[in-house]
C-alpha atoms as a PDB file:
ATOM      1  CA  UNK A   1    -172.883  81.882 -26.695  1.00  0.00           C
ATOM      2  CA  UNK A   2    -175.950  83.914 -26.910  1.00  0.00           C
ATOM      3  CA  UNK A   3    -177.755  84.287 -30.268  1.00  0.00           C
ATOM      4  CA  UNK A   4    -177.585  87.531 -32.668  1.00  0.00           C
ATOM      5  CA  UNK A   5    -180.770  87.585 -34.641  1.00  0.00           C
ATOM      6  CA  UNK A   6    -180.467  89.407 -38.250  1.00  0.00           C
ATOM      7  CA  UNK A   7    -181.421  93.141 -36.424  1.00  0.00           C
ATOM      8  CA  UNK A   8    -180.235  92.696 -32.677  1.00  0.00           C
ATOM      9  CA  UNK A   9    -177.873  95.394 -33.819  1.00  0.00           C
ATOM     10  CA  UNK A  10    -180.005  97.827 -35.503  1.00  0.00           C
ATOM     11  CA  UNK A  11    -182.321  96.957 -32.723  1.00  0.00           C
ATOM     12  CA  UNK A  12    -179.297  97.932 -30.106  1.00  0.00           C
ATOM     13  CA  UNK A  13    -178.250 101.390 -31.838  1.00  0.00           C
ATOM     14  CA  UNK A  14    -182.646 102.343 -32.045  1.00  0.00           C
ATOM     15  CA  UNK A  15    -182.763 101.640 -28.336  1.00  0.00           C
ATOM     16  CA  UNK A  16    -179.567 103.764 -27.774  1.00  0.00           C
ATOM     17  CA  UNK A  17    -181.271 106.737 -29.548  1.00  0.00           C
ATOM     18  CA  UNK A  18    -184.528 106.222 -27.654  1.00  0.00           C
ATOM     19  CA  UNK A  19    -182.474 106.242 -24.503  1.00  0.00           C
ATOM     20  CA  UNK A  20    -180.470 109.685 -25.602  1.00  0.00           C
ATOM     21  CA  UNK A  21    -183.653 111.301 -26.684  1.00  0.00           C
ATOM     22  CA  UNK A  22    -185.360 110.844 -23.124  1.00  0.00           C
ATOM     23  CA  UNK A  23    -181.715 112.102 -22.054  1.00  0.00           C
ATOM     24  CA  UNK A  24    -181.941 115.301 -23.604  1.00  0.00           C
ATOM     25  CA  UNK A  25    -185.769 115.607 -22.351  1.00  0.00           C
ATOM     26  CA  UNK A  26    -184.871 114.978 -19.202  1.00  0.00           C
ATOM     27  CA  UNK A  27    -182.375 117.392 -19.085  1.00  0.00           C
ATOM     28  CA  UNK A  28    -184.025 120.170 -21.069  1.00  0.00           C
ATOM     29  CA  UNK A  29    -187.879 119.630 -20.064  1.00  0.00           C
ATOM     30  CA  UNK A  30    -189.427 120.580 -17.238  1.00  0.00           C
ATOM     31  CA  UNK A  31    -189.418 119.268 -13.635  1.00  0.00           C
ATOM     32  CA  UNK A  32    -192.363 117.090 -11.373  1.00  0.00           C
ATOM     33  CA  UNK A  33    -192.735 116.375  -8.345  1.00  0.00           C
ATOM     34  CA  UNK A  34    -190.861 113.535  -6.387  1.00  0.00           C
ATOM     35  CA  UNK A  35    -192.479 110.178  -6.572  1.00  0.00           C
ATOM     36  CA  UNK A  36    -193.783 107.706  -3.535  1.00  0.00           C
ATOM     37  CA  UNK A  37    -191.556 105.491  -4.734  1.00  0.00           C
ATOM     38  CA  UNK A  38    -188.364 107.672  -5.376  1.00  0.00           C
ATOM     39  CA  UNK A  39    -188.549 108.712  -1.761  1.00  0.00           C
ATOM     40  CA  UNK A  40    -188.488 105.251  -0.175  1.00  0.00           C
ATOM     41  CA  UNK A  41    -185.191 104.873  -2.100  1.00  0.00           C
ATOM     42  CA  UNK A  42    -186.369 102.696  -5.590  1.00  0.00           C
ATOM     43  CA  UNK A  43    -184.424 102.899  -8.417  1.00  0.00           C
ATOM     44  CA  UNK A  44    -186.950 104.419 -11.262  1.00  0.00           C
ATOM     45  CA  UNK A  45    -187.621 102.008 -14.316  1.00  0.00           C
ATOM     46  CA  UNK A  46    -187.197 102.945 -18.375  1.00  0.00           C
ATOM     47  CA  UNK A  47    -190.607 102.419 -17.830  1.00  0.00           C
ATOM     48  CA  UNK A  48    -191.303 104.745 -15.474  1.00  0.00           C
ATOM     49  CA  UNK A  49    -188.926 107.338 -16.593  1.00  0.00           C
ATOM     50  CA  UNK A  50    -190.899 107.587 -19.903  1.00  0.00           C
ATOM     51  CA  UNK A  51    -194.404 107.307 -18.220  1.00  0.00           C
ATOM     52  CA  UNK A  52    -192.922 110.660 -15.843  1.00  0.00           C
ATOM     53  CA  UNK A  53    -191.906 112.176 -18.363  1.00  0.00           C
ATOM     54  CA  UNK A  54    -195.100 111.648 -20.790  1.00  0.00           C
ATOM     55  CA  UNK A  55    -197.547 113.316 -18.210  1.00  0.00           C
ATOM     56  CA  UNK A  56    -194.665 116.449 -18.090  1.00  0.00           C
ATOM     57  CA  UNK A  57    -195.266 116.614 -22.121  1.00  0.00           C
ATOM     58  CA  UNK A  58    -191.905 115.317 -22.885  1.00  0.00           C
ATOM     59  CA  UNK A  59    -193.981 112.403 -24.818  1.00  0.00           C
ATOM     60  CA  UNK A  60    -198.049 111.603 -24.913  1.00  0.00           C
ATOM     61  CA  UNK A  61    -198.446 108.279 -23.171  1.00  0.00           C
ATOM     62  CA  UNK A  62    -199.282 107.298 -26.918  1.00  0.00           C
ATOM     63  CA  UNK A  63    -196.030 107.828 -27.508  1.00  0.00           C
ATOM     64  CA  UNK A  64    -194.575 105.657 -24.819  1.00  0.00           C
ATOM     65  CA  UNK A  65    -197.030 103.124 -25.882  1.00  0.00           C
ATOM     66  CA  UNK A  66    -195.927 103.381 -29.192  1.00  0.00           C
ATOM     67  CA  UNK A  67    -191.730 103.543 -28.649  1.00  0.00           C
ATOM     68  CA  UNK A  68    -192.008  99.873 -25.811  1.00  0.00           C
ATOM     69  CA  UNK A  69    -194.735  98.342 -28.281  1.00  0.00           C
ATOM     70  CA  UNK A  70    -192.618  98.474 -31.264  1.00  0.00           C
ATOM     71  CA  UNK A  71    -189.532  97.961 -29.350  1.00  0.00           C
ATOM     72  CA  UNK A  72    -191.494  94.796 -28.071  1.00  0.00           C
ATOM     73  CA  UNK A  73    -192.345  93.563 -31.526  1.00  0.00           C
ATOM     74  CA  UNK A  74    -188.844  94.543 -32.996  1.00  0.00           C
ATOM     75  CA  UNK A  75    -186.728  92.105 -30.058  1.00  0.00           C
ATOM     76  CA  UNK A  76    -189.732  89.478 -30.966  1.00  0.00           C
ATOM     77  CA  UNK A  77    -189.238  89.069 -34.602  1.00  0.00           C
ATOM     78  CA  UNK A  78    -185.638  89.326 -34.200  1.00  0.00           C
ATOM     79  CA  UNK A  79    -185.295  86.213 -32.164  1.00  0.00           C
ATOM     80  CA  UNK A  80    -187.264  84.637 -34.740  1.00  0.00           C
ATOM     81  CA  UNK A  81    -185.534  85.723 -37.167  1.00  0.00           C
ATOM     82  CA  UNK A  82    -187.480  87.936 -39.378  1.00  0.00           C
ATOM     83  CA  UNK A  83    -185.200  90.533 -40.052  1.00  0.00           C
ATOM     84  CA  UNK A  84    -188.833  92.482 -42.269  1.00  0.00           C
ATOM     85  CA  UNK A  85    -190.778  92.601 -39.391  1.00  0.00           C
ATOM     86  CA  UNK A  86    -188.137  93.573 -36.953  1.00  0.00           C
ATOM     87  CA  UNK A  87    -187.325  96.460 -38.989  1.00  0.00           C
ATOM     88  CA  UNK A  88    -190.484  97.526 -39.996  1.00  0.00           C
ATOM     89  CA  UNK A  89    -191.204  97.716 -36.075  1.00  0.00           C
ATOM     90  CA  UNK A  90    -187.790  99.642 -35.947  1.00  0.00           C
ATOM     91  CA  UNK A  91    -189.340 102.199 -38.361  1.00  0.00           C
ATOM     92  CA  UNK A  92    -192.817 102.924 -36.267  1.00  0.00           C
ATOM     93  CA  UNK A  93    -190.387 103.278 -33.273  1.00  0.00           C
ATOM     94  CA  UNK A  94    -188.344 106.015 -35.210  1.00  0.00           C
ATOM     95  CA  UNK A  95    -190.987 107.727 -36.421  1.00  0.00           C
ATOM     96  CA  UNK A  96    -191.863 107.643 -32.851  1.00  0.00           C
ATOM     97  CA  UNK A  97    -189.572 109.251 -31.238  1.00  0.00           C
ATOM     98  CA  UNK A  98    -188.853 111.809 -34.127  1.00  0.00           C
ATOM     99  CA  UNK A  99    -185.314 113.462 -35.226  1.00  0.00           C
END
């Protein structure tokens, strides 16, 4: 049995919004060259995808860093049972990803 923190559900919803935003930007944005890792048949990670998209202008490096840091803070606050800190971190992520 696993423990669900006070804002686990909201973390999942915000993560889904982040993923959807990245998917939408990837579908409509410019393309770039294939990386060396891709030619070695290595699967991309969410971080490598976000970094590649930031280089193409969809998200700045600072925005990607803010999203990653905010989601990390939210998960840590959730594990600690701190709903207020979790919601504050998620609010920052929502601002970073926009509408």
